[in-house]
PDB file of N, CA and C in Angstrom:
ATOM      1  N   MET A   1      48.161 -11.565 -43.487  1.00  0.00           N
ATOM      2  CA  MET A   1      48.364 -12.685 -44.387  1.00  0.00           C
ATOM      3  C   MET A   1      47.131 -12.904 -45.265  1.00  0.00           C
ATOM      4  N   ARG A   2      45.939 -12.795 -44.653  1.00  0.00           N
ATOM      5  CA  ARG A   2      44.723 -13.041 -45.426  1.00  0.00           C
ATOM      6  C   ARG A   2      44.515 -12.001 -46.517  1.00  0.00           C
ATOM      7  N   SER A   3      44.707 -10.725 -46.176  1.00  0.00           N
ATOM      8  CA  SER A   3      44.488  -9.703 -47.204  1.00  0.00           C
ATOM      9  C   SER A   3      45.520  -9.825 -48.319  1.00  0.00           C
ATOM     10  N   ALA A   4      46.747 -10.172 -47.968  1.00  0.00           N
ATOM     11  CA  ALA A   4      47.798 -10.305 -48.979  1.00  0.00           C
ATOM     12  C   ALA A   4      47.527 -11.468 -49.922  1.00  0.00           C
ATOM     13  N   THR A   5      47.117 -12.597 -49.395  1.00  0.00           N
ATOM     14  CA  THR A   5      46.829 -13.734 -50.260  1.00  0.00           C
ATOM     15  C   THR A   5      45.527 -13.535 -51.027  1.00  0.00           C
ATOM     16  N   SER A   6      44.645 -12.714 -50.495  1.00  0.00           N
ATOM     17  CA  SER A   6      43.395 -12.406 -51.177  1.00  0.00           C
ATOM     18  C   SER A   6      43.638 -11.629 -52.462  1.00  0.00           C
ATOM     19  N   VAL A   7      44.702 -10.845 -52.503  1.00  0.00           N
ATOM     20  CA  VAL A   7      45.038 -10.089 -53.713  1.00  0.00           C
ATOM     21  C   VAL A   7      45.209 -11.057 -54.882  1.00  0.00           C
ATOM     22  N   GLY A   8      46.021 -12.075 -54.687  1.00  0.00           N
ATOM     23  CA  GLY A   8      46.270 -13.057 -55.746  1.00  0.00           C
ATOM     24  C   GLY A   8      45.037 -13.861 -56.103  1.00  0.00           C
ATOM     25  N   ALA A   9      44.282 -14.264 -55.095  1.00  0.00           N
ATOM     26  CA  ALA A   9      43.078 -15.058 -55.344  1.00  0.00           C
ATOM     27  C   ALA A   9      42.051 -14.256 -56.135  1.00  0.00           C
ATOM     28  N   ASN A  10      41.882 -12.987 -55.779  1.00  0.00           N
ATOM     29  CA  ASN A  10      40.916 -12.152 -56.491  1.00  0.00           C
ATOM     30  C   ASN A  10      41.405 -11.774 -57.878  1.00  0.00           C
ATOM     31  N   TYR A  11      42.698 -11.620 -58.057  1.00  0.00           N
ATOM     32  CA  TYR A  11      43.225 -11.356 -59.398  1.00  0.00           C
ATOM     33  C   TYR A  11      42.971 -12.573 -60.282  1.00  0.00           C
ATOM     34  N   ARG A  12      43.170 -13.732 -59.733  1.00  0.00           N
ATOM     35  CA  ARG A  12      42.913 -14.955 -60.504  1.00  0.00           C
ATOM     36  C   ARG A  12      41.444 -15.032 -60.919  1.00  0.00           C
ATOM     37  N   ALA A  13      40.560 -14.656 -60.005  1.00  0.00           N
ATOM     38  CA  ALA A  13      39.130 -14.627 -60.327  1.00  0.00           C
ATOM     39  C   ALA A  13      38.854 -13.594 -61.417  1.00  0.00           C
ATOM     40  N   ALA A  14      39.549 -12.459 -61.354  1.00  0.00           N
ATOM     41  CA  ALA A  14      39.362 -11.412 -62.359  1.00  0.00           C
ATOM     42  C   ALA A  14      39.755 -11.905 -63.751  1.00  0.00           C
ATOM     43  N   CYS A  15      40.753 -12.757 -63.799  1.00  0.00           N
ATOM     44  CA  CYS A  15      41.200 -13.302 -65.088  1.00  0.00           C
ATOM     45  C   CYS A  15      40.133 -14.172 -65.744  1.00  0.00           C
ATOM     46  N   ARG A  16      39.144 -14.570 -64.989  1.00  0.00           N
ATOM     47  CA  ARG A  16      38.066 -15.397 -65.510  1.00  0.00           C
ATOM     48  C   ARG A  16      36.740 -14.640 -65.575  1.00  0.00           C
ATOM     49  N   SER A  17      36.836 -13.339 -65.658  1.00  0.00           N
ATOM     50  CA  SER A  17      35.635 -12.497 -65.704  1.00  0.00           C
ATOM     51  C   SER A  17      34.826 -12.778 -66.961  1.00  0.00           C
ATOM     52  N   LYS A  18      33.542 -12.572 -66.842  1.00  0.00           N
ATOM     53  CA  LYS A  18      32.633 -12.862 -67.941  1.00  0.00           C
ATOM     54  C   LYS A  18      32.274 -11.623 -68.762  1.00  0.00           C
ATOM     55  N   SER A  19      32.620 -10.449 -68.259  1.00  0.00           N
ATOM     56  CA  SER A  19      32.326  -9.205 -68.969  1.00  0.00           C
ATOM     57  C   SER A  19      33.270  -8.122 -68.459  1.00  0.00           C
ATOM     58  N   VAL A  20      33.261  -7.002 -69.151  1.00  0.00           N
ATOM     59  CA  VAL A  20      34.093  -5.875 -68.720  1.00  0.00           C
ATOM     60  C   VAL A  20      33.622  -5.385 -67.351  1.00  0.00           C
ATOM     61  N   ALA A  21      32.317  -5.320 -67.154  1.00  0.00           N
ATOM     62  CA  ALA A  21      31.778  -4.875 -65.862  1.00  0.00           C
ATOM     63  C   ALA A  21      32.208  -5.824 -64.743  1.00  0.00           C
ATOM     64  N   ASP A  22      32.179  -7.113 -65.028  1.00  0.00           N
ATOM     65  CA  ASP A  22      32.601  -8.113 -64.043  1.00  0.00           C
ATOM     66  C   ASP A  22      34.089  -7.968 -63.743  1.00  0.00           C
ATOM     67  N   LEU A  23      34.876  -7.718 -64.776  1.00  0.00           N
ATOM     68  CA  LEU A  23      36.322  -7.534 -64.597  1.00  0.00           C
ATOM     69  C   LEU A  23      36.602  -6.306 -63.737  1.00  0.00           C
ATOM     70  N   ILE A  24      35.908  -5.213 -64.012  1.00  0.00           N
ATOM     71  CA  ILE A  24      36.086  -3.998 -63.212  1.00  0.00           C
ATOM     72  C   ILE A  24      35.735  -4.264 -61.754  1.00  0.00           C
ATOM     73  N   ALA A  25      34.640  -4.949 -61.522  1.00  0.00           N
ATOM     74  CA  ALA A  25      34.214  -5.255 -60.147  1.00  0.00           C
ATOM     75  C   ALA A  25      35.257  -6.104 -59.429  1.00  0.00           C
ATOM     76  N   LYS A  26      35.775  -7.110 -60.118  1.00  0.00           N
ATOM     77  CA  LYS A  26      36.752  -7.996 -59.479  1.00  0.00           C
ATOM     78  C   LYS A  26      38.092  -7.304 -59.267  1.00  0.00           C
ATOM     79  N   LEU A  27      38.494  -6.457 -60.206  1.00  0.00           N
ATOM     80  CA  LEU A  27      39.731  -5.707 -60.016  1.00  0.00           C
ATOM     81  C   LEU A  27      39.588  -4.685 -58.897  1.00  0.00           C
ATOM     82  N   SER A  28      38.386  -4.197 -58.690  1.00  0.00           N
ATOM     83  CA  SER A  28      38.153  -3.278 -57.568  1.00  0.00           C
ATOM     84  C   SER A  28      38.388  -3.987 -56.238  1.00  0.00           C
ATOM     85  N   ILE A  29      38.043  -5.255 -56.176  1.00  0.00           N
ATOM     86  CA  ILE A  29      38.305  -6.040 -54.970  1.00  0.00           C
ATOM     87  C   ILE A  29      39.818  -6.220 -54.793  1.00  0.00           C
ATOM     88  N   VAL A  30      40.515  -6.471 -55.892  1.00  0.00           N
ATOM     89  CA  VAL A  30      41.984  -6.582 -55.835  1.00  0.00           C
ATOM     90  C   VAL A  30      42.576  -5.293 -55.275  1.00  0.00           C
ATOM     91  N   GLU A  31      42.091  -4.161 -55.773  1.00  0.00           N
ATOM     92  CA  GLU A  31      42.571  -2.861 -55.289  1.00  0.00           C
ATOM     93  C   GLU A  31      42.332  -2.718 -53.784  1.00  0.00           C
ATOM     94  N   GLU A  32      41.143  -3.056 -53.337  1.00  0.00           N
ATOM     95  CA  GLU A  32      40.810  -2.944 -51.913  1.00  0.00           C
ATOM     96  C   GLU A  32      41.700  -3.843 -51.056  1.00  0.00           C
ATOM     97  N   GLU A  33      41.899  -5.064 -51.492  1.00  0.00           N
ATOM     98  CA  GLU A  33      42.710  -6.002 -50.715  1.00  0.00           C
ATOM     99  C   GLU A  33      44.179  -5.587 -50.681  1.00  0.00           C
ATOM    100  N   ALA A  34      44.686  -5.070 -51.792  1.00  0.00           N
ATOM    101  CA  ALA A  34      46.075  -4.597 -51.824  1.00  0.00           C
ATOM    102  C   ALA A  34      46.249  -3.393 -50.905  1.00  0.00           C
ATOM    103  N   ASP A  35      45.262  -2.502 -50.911  1.00  0.00           N
ATOM    104  CA  ASP A  35      45.319  -1.338 -50.032  1.00  0.00           C
ATOM    105  C   ASP A  35      45.230  -1.769 -48.566  1.00  0.00           C
ATOM    106  N   GLU A  36      44.396  -2.761 -48.281  1.00  0.00           N
ATOM    107  CA  GLU A  36      44.311  -3.269 -46.907  1.00  0.00           C
ATOM    108  C   GLU A  36      45.636  -3.903 -46.481  1.00  0.00           C
ATOM    109  N   THR A  37      46.257  -4.609 -47.397  1.00  0.00           N
ATOM    110  CA  THR A  37      47.563  -5.210 -47.104  1.00  0.00           C
ATOM    111  C   THR A  37      48.577  -4.124 -46.754  1.00  0.00           C
ATOM    112  N   LEU A  38      48.574  -3.051 -47.541  1.00  0.00           N
ATOM    113  CA  LEU A  38      49.485  -1.940 -47.274  1.00  0.00           C
ATOM    114  C   LEU A  38      49.202  -1.337 -45.900  1.00  0.00           C
ATOM    115  N   TYR A  39      47.942  -1.220 -45.556  1.00  0.00           N
ATOM    116  CA  TYR A  39      47.555  -0.707 -44.235  1.00  0.00           C
ATOM    117  C   TYR A  39      48.159  -1.570 -43.125  1.00  0.00           C
ATOM    118  N   TRP A  40      48.021  -2.882 -43.240  1.00  0.00           N
ATOM    119  CA  TRP A  40      48.539  -3.774 -42.196  1.00  0.00           C
ATOM    120  C   TRP A  40      50.061  -3.705 -42.119  1.00  0.00           C
ATOM    121  N   LEU A  41      50.718  -3.577 -43.253  1.00  0.00           N
ATOM    122  CA  LEU A  41      52.180  -3.435 -43.239  1.00  0.00           C
ATOM    123  C   LEU A  41      52.587  -2.132 -42.552  1.00  0.00           C
ATOM    124  N   GLU A  42      51.871  -1.046 -42.869  1.00  0.00           N
ATOM    125  CA  GLU A  42      52.156   0.226 -42.200  1.00  0.00           C
ATOM    126  C   GLU A  42      51.920   0.131 -40.703  1.00  0.00           C
ATOM    127  N   LEU A  43      50.888  -0.581 -40.312  1.00  0.00           N
ATOM    128  CA  LEU A  43      50.581  -0.767 -38.895  1.00  0.00           C
ATOM    129  C   LEU A  43      51.686  -1.544 -38.182  1.00  0.00           C
ATOM    130  N   LEU A  44      52.247  -2.536 -38.852  1.00  0.00           N
ATOM    131  CA  LEU A  44      53.367  -3.287 -38.268  1.00  0.00           C
ATOM    132  C   LEU A  44      54.555  -2.369 -37.991  1.00  0.00           C
ATOM    133  N   VAL A  45      54.814  -1.457 -38.923  1.00  0.00           N
ATOM    134  CA  VAL A  45      55.926  -0.517 -38.748  1.00  0.00           C
ATOM    135  C   VAL A  45      55.620   0.454 -37.616  1.00  0.00           C
ATOM    136  N   GLU A  46      54.423   1.039 -37.648  1.00  0.00           N
ATOM    137  CA  GLU A  46      54.060   2.042 -36.642  1.00  0.00           C
ATOM    138  C   GLU A  46      53.978   1.468 -35.231  1.00  0.00           C
ATOM    139  N   SER A  47      53.648   0.192 -35.133  1.00  0.00           N
ATOM    140  CA  SER A  47      53.559  -0.437 -33.815  1.00  0.00           C
ATOM    141  C   SER A  47      54.929  -0.834 -33.275  1.00  0.00           C
ATOM    142  N   GLY A  48      55.933  -0.809 -34.147  1.00  0.00           N
ATOM    143  CA  GLY A  48      57.276  -1.178 -33.725  1.00  0.00           C
ATOM    144  C   GLY A  48      57.541  -2.676 -33.791  1.00  0.00           C
ATOM    145  N   LEU A  49      56.597  -3.441 -34.309  1.00  0.00           N
ATOM    146  CA  LEU A  49      56.791  -4.887 -34.421  1.00  0.00           C
ATOM    147  C   LEU A  49      57.779  -5.253 -35.523  1.00  0.00           C
ATOM    148  N   MET A  50      57.847  -4.406 -36.562  1.00  0.00           N
ATOM    149  CA  MET A  50      58.779  -4.628 -37.676  1.00  0.00           C
ATOM    150  C   MET A  50      59.385  -3.287 -38.043  1.00  0.00           C
ATOM    151  N   THR A  51      60.565  -3.317 -38.603  1.00  0.00           N
ATOM    152  CA  THR A  51      61.178  -2.071 -39.056  1.00  0.00           C
ATOM    153  C   THR A  51      60.715  -1.768 -40.485  1.00  0.00           C
ATOM    154  N   ALA A  52      60.707  -0.501 -40.798  1.00  0.00           N
ATOM    155  CA  ALA A  52      60.323  -0.083 -42.149  1.00  0.00           C
ATOM    156  C   ALA A  52      61.264  -0.688 -43.182  1.00  0.00           C
ATOM    157  N   GLU A  53      62.514  -0.807 -42.809  1.00  0.00           N
ATOM    158  CA  GLU A  53      63.504  -1.368 -43.733  1.00  0.00           C
ATOM    159  C   GLU A  53      63.170  -2.808 -44.105  1.00  0.00           C
ATOM    160  N   LYS A  54      62.726  -3.592 -43.135  1.00  0.00           N
ATOM    161  CA  LYS A  54      62.395  -4.998 -43.406  1.00  0.00           C
ATOM    162  C   LYS A  54      61.159  -5.132 -44.298  1.00  0.00           C
ATOM    163  N   LEU A  55      60.243  -4.190 -44.197  1.00  0.00           N
ATOM    164  CA  LEU A  55      58.994  -4.272 -44.951  1.00  0.00           C
ATOM    165  C   LEU A  55      58.983  -3.401 -46.196  1.00  0.00           C
ATOM    166  N   LYS A  56      60.075  -2.693 -46.427  1.00  0.00           N
ATOM    167  CA  LYS A  56      60.136  -1.738 -47.533  1.00  0.00           C
ATOM    168  C   LYS A  56      59.757  -2.369 -48.872  1.00  0.00           C
ATOM    169  N   SER A  57      60.337  -3.512 -49.196  1.00  0.00           N
ATOM    170  CA  SER A  57      60.063  -4.120 -50.505  1.00  0.00           C
ATOM    171  C   SER A  57      58.613  -4.604 -50.612  1.00  0.00           C
ATOM    172  N   LEU A  58      58.068  -5.130 -49.527  1.00  0.00           N
ATOM    173  CA  LEU A  58      56.660  -5.566 -49.552  1.00  0.00           C
ATOM    174  C   LEU A  58      55.711  -4.376 -49.693  1.00  0.00           C
ATOM    175  N   MET A  59      56.039  -3.305 -49.005  1.00  0.00           N
ATOM    176  CA  MET A  59      55.208  -2.104 -49.096  1.00  0.00           C
ATOM    177  C   MET A  59      55.287  -1.506 -50.500  1.00  0.00           C
ATOM    178  N   GLN A  60      56.450  -1.521 -51.096  1.00  0.00           N
ATOM    179  CA  GLN A  60      56.621  -1.024 -52.463  1.00  0.00           C
ATOM    180  C   GLN A  60      55.828  -1.890 -53.440  1.00  0.00           C
ATOM    181  N   GLU A  61      55.883  -3.191 -53.251  1.00  0.00           N
ATOM    182  CA  GLU A  61      55.144  -4.099 -54.135  1.00  0.00           C
ATOM    183  C   GLU A  61      53.638  -3.879 -54.011  1.00  0.00           C
ATOM    184  N   ALA A  62      53.149  -3.714 -52.801  1.00  0.00           N
ATOM    185  CA  ALA A  62      51.718  -3.447 -52.596  1.00  0.00           C
ATOM    186  C   ALA A  62      51.321  -2.138 -53.274  1.00  0.00           C
ATOM    187  N   THR A  63      52.159  -1.124 -53.145  1.00  0.00           N
ATOM    188  CA  THR A  63      51.895   0.172 -53.780  1.00  0.00           C
ATOM    189  C   THR A  63      51.852   0.034 -55.298  1.00  0.00           C
ATOM    190  N   GLU A  64      52.769  -0.748 -55.846  1.00  0.00           N
ATOM    191  CA  GLU A  64      52.802  -0.964 -57.293  1.00  0.00           C
ATOM    192  C   GLU A  64      51.568  -1.733 -57.773  1.00  0.00           C
ATOM    193  N   ILE A  65      51.154  -2.727 -57.014  1.00  0.00           N
ATOM    194  CA  ILE A  65      49.953  -3.487 -57.367  1.00  0.00           C
ATOM    195  C   ILE A  65      48.731  -2.579 -57.375  1.00  0.00           C
ATOM    196  N   ILE A  66      48.642  -1.720 -56.373  1.00  0.00           N
ATOM    197  CA  ILE A  66      47.521  -0.766 -56.312  1.00  0.00           C
ATOM    198  C   ILE A  66      47.545   0.136 -57.545  1.00  0.00           C
ATOM    199  N   ALA A  67      48.703   0.681 -57.877  1.00  0.00           N
ATOM    200  CA  ALA A  67      48.820   1.591 -59.023  1.00  0.00           C
ATOM    201  C   ALA A  67      48.450   0.895 -60.331  1.00  0.00           C
ATOM    202  N   MET A  68      48.929  -0.315 -60.529  1.00  0.00           N
ATOM    203  CA  MET A  68      48.618  -1.048 -61.755  1.00  0.00           C
ATOM    204  C   MET A  68      47.137  -1.384 -61.838  1.00  0.00           C
ATOM    205  N   THR A  69      46.563  -1.757 -60.714  1.00  0.00           N
ATOM    206  CA  THR A  69      45.149  -2.120 -60.686  1.00  0.00           C
ATOM    207  C   THR A  69      44.279  -0.901 -60.963  1.00  0.00           C
ATOM    208  N   VAL A  70      44.594   0.217 -60.335  1.00  0.00           N
ATOM    209  CA  VAL A  70      43.837   1.454 -60.567  1.00  0.00           C
ATOM    210  C   VAL A  70      43.936   1.863 -62.037  1.00  0.00           C
ATOM    211  N   ALA A  71      45.123   1.775 -62.621  1.00  0.00           N
ATOM    212  CA  ALA A  71      45.299   2.124 -64.033  1.00  0.00           C
ATOM    213  C   ALA A  71      44.482   1.197 -64.927  1.00  0.00           C
ATOM    214  N   SER A  72      44.465  -0.080 -64.604  1.00  0.00           N
ATOM    215  CA  SER A  72      43.684  -1.042 -65.392  1.00  0.00           C
ATOM    216  C   SER A  72      42.194  -0.748 -65.301  1.00  0.00           C
ATOM    217  N   ILE A  73      41.720  -0.460 -64.109  1.00  0.00           N
ATOM    218  CA  ILE A  73      40.302  -0.137 -63.915  1.00  0.00           C
ATOM    219  C   ILE A  73      39.939   1.114 -64.709  1.00  0.00           C
ATOM    220  N   LYS A  74      40.797   2.118 -64.655  1.00  0.00           N
ATOM    221  CA  LYS A  74      40.546   3.360 -65.384  1.00  0.00           C
ATOM    222  C   LYS A  74      40.464   3.095 -66.885  1.00  0.00           C
ATOM    223  N   THR A  75      41.395   2.326 -67.417  1.00  0.00           N
ATOM    224  CA  THR A  75      41.401   1.985 -68.837  1.00  0.00           C
ATOM    225  C   THR A  75      40.144   1.213 -69.223  1.00  0.00           C
ATOM    226  N   LEU A  76      39.763   0.259 -68.395  1.00  0.00           N
ATOM    227  CA  LEU A  76      38.565  -0.536 -68.679  1.00  0.00           C
ATOM    228  C   LEU A  76      37.303   0.317 -68.647  1.00  0.00           C
ATOM    229  N   ARG A  77      37.225   1.254 -67.716  1.00  0.00           N
ATOM    230  CA  ARG A  77      36.052   2.143 -67.646  1.00  0.00           C
ATOM    231  C   ARG A  77      35.976   3.026 -68.892  1.00  0.00           C
ATOM    232  N   GLU A  78      37.130   3.521 -69.342  1.00  0.00           N
ATOM    233  CA  GLU A  78      37.152   4.336 -70.556  1.00  0.00           C
ATOM    234  C   GLU A  78      36.698   3.512 -71.759  1.00  0.00           C
ATOM    235  N   LYS A  79      37.181   2.275 -71.841  1.00  0.00           N
ATOM    236  CA  LYS A  79      36.781   1.377 -72.932  1.00  0.00           C
ATOM    237  C   LYS A  79      35.281   1.106 -72.866  1.00  0.00           C
ATOM    238  N   GLN A  80      34.806   0.845 -71.668  1.00  0.00           N
ATOM    239  CA  GLN A  80      33.390   0.558 -71.475  1.00  0.00           C
ATOM    240  C   GLN A  80      32.540   1.768 -71.891  1.00  0.00           C
ATOM    241  N   ASN A  81      32.974   2.968 -71.554  1.00  0.00           N
ATOM    242  CA  ASN A  81      32.243   4.183 -71.914  1.00  0.00           C
ATOM    243  C   ASN A  81      32.256   4.439 -73.417  1.00  0.00           C
ATOM    244  N   ARG A  82      33.359   4.097 -74.093  1.00  0.00           N
ATOM    245  CA  ARG A  82      33.436   4.253 -75.548  1.00  0.00           C
ATOM    246  C   ARG A  82      32.492   3.282 -76.250  1.00  0.00           C
ATOM    247  N   GLU A  83      32.440   2.051 -75.746  1.00  0.00           N
ATOM    248  CA  GLU A  83      31.618   1.017 -76.379  1.00  0.00           C
ATOM    249  C   GLU A  83      30.138   1.159 -76.051  1.00  0.00           C
ATOM    250  N   ASN A  84      29.830   1.717 -74.900  1.00  0.00           N
ATOM    251  CA  ASN A  84      28.443   1.855 -74.462  1.00  0.00           C
ATOM    252  C   ASN A  84      28.173   3.290 -74.015  1.00  0.00           C
ATOM    253  N   PRO A  85      28.129   4.213 -74.967  1.00  0.00           N
ATOM    254  CA  PRO A  85      27.884   5.608 -74.565  1.00  0.00           C
ATOM    255  C   PRO A  85      26.504   5.747 -73.931  1.00  0.00           C
ATOM    256  N   LYS A  86      26.417   6.682 -73.005  1.00  0.00           N
ATOM    257  CA  LYS A  86      25.133   6.907 -72.328  1.00  0.00           C
ATOM    258  C   LYS A  86      24.127   7.510 -73.293  1.00  0.00           C
ATOM    259  N   SER A  87      22.900   7.123 -73.146  1.00  0.00           N
ATOM    260  CA  SER A  87      21.828   7.622 -73.998  1.00  0.00           C
ATOM    261  C   SER A  87      21.637   9.127 -73.778  1.00  0.00           C
ATOM    262  N   LYS A  88      21.334   9.840 -74.834  1.00  0.00           N
ATOM    263  CA  LYS A  88      21.101  11.271 -74.745  1.00  0.00           C
ATOM    264  C   LYS A  88      19.652  11.577 -74.374  1.00  0.00           C
ATOM    265  N   ILE A  89      18.871  10.547 -74.213  1.00  0.00           N
ATOM    266  CA  ILE A  89      17.445  10.725 -73.850  1.00  0.00           C
ATOM    267  C   ILE A  89      17.312  10.943 -72.370  1.00  0.00           C
TER     268      ILE A  89
END
């Protein structure tokens, strides 16, 4: 429950980022928390406490959140690299 609700709380914090670097850092936390949530859901299935069928939609949603977050981070890093190229010195 904590990791799942942390995804939303950290995304909300990311929406108030002060820079691209700050946004990337906060979205990285969202990615980590979503992945942890997926881990706990998988553990529930593997332990036999819940069936995969009951958790299928939640697991799919966590996977989608991870994919969207990773894509956003990648796009932001590319933007950051275009705007601030590394010095050739």
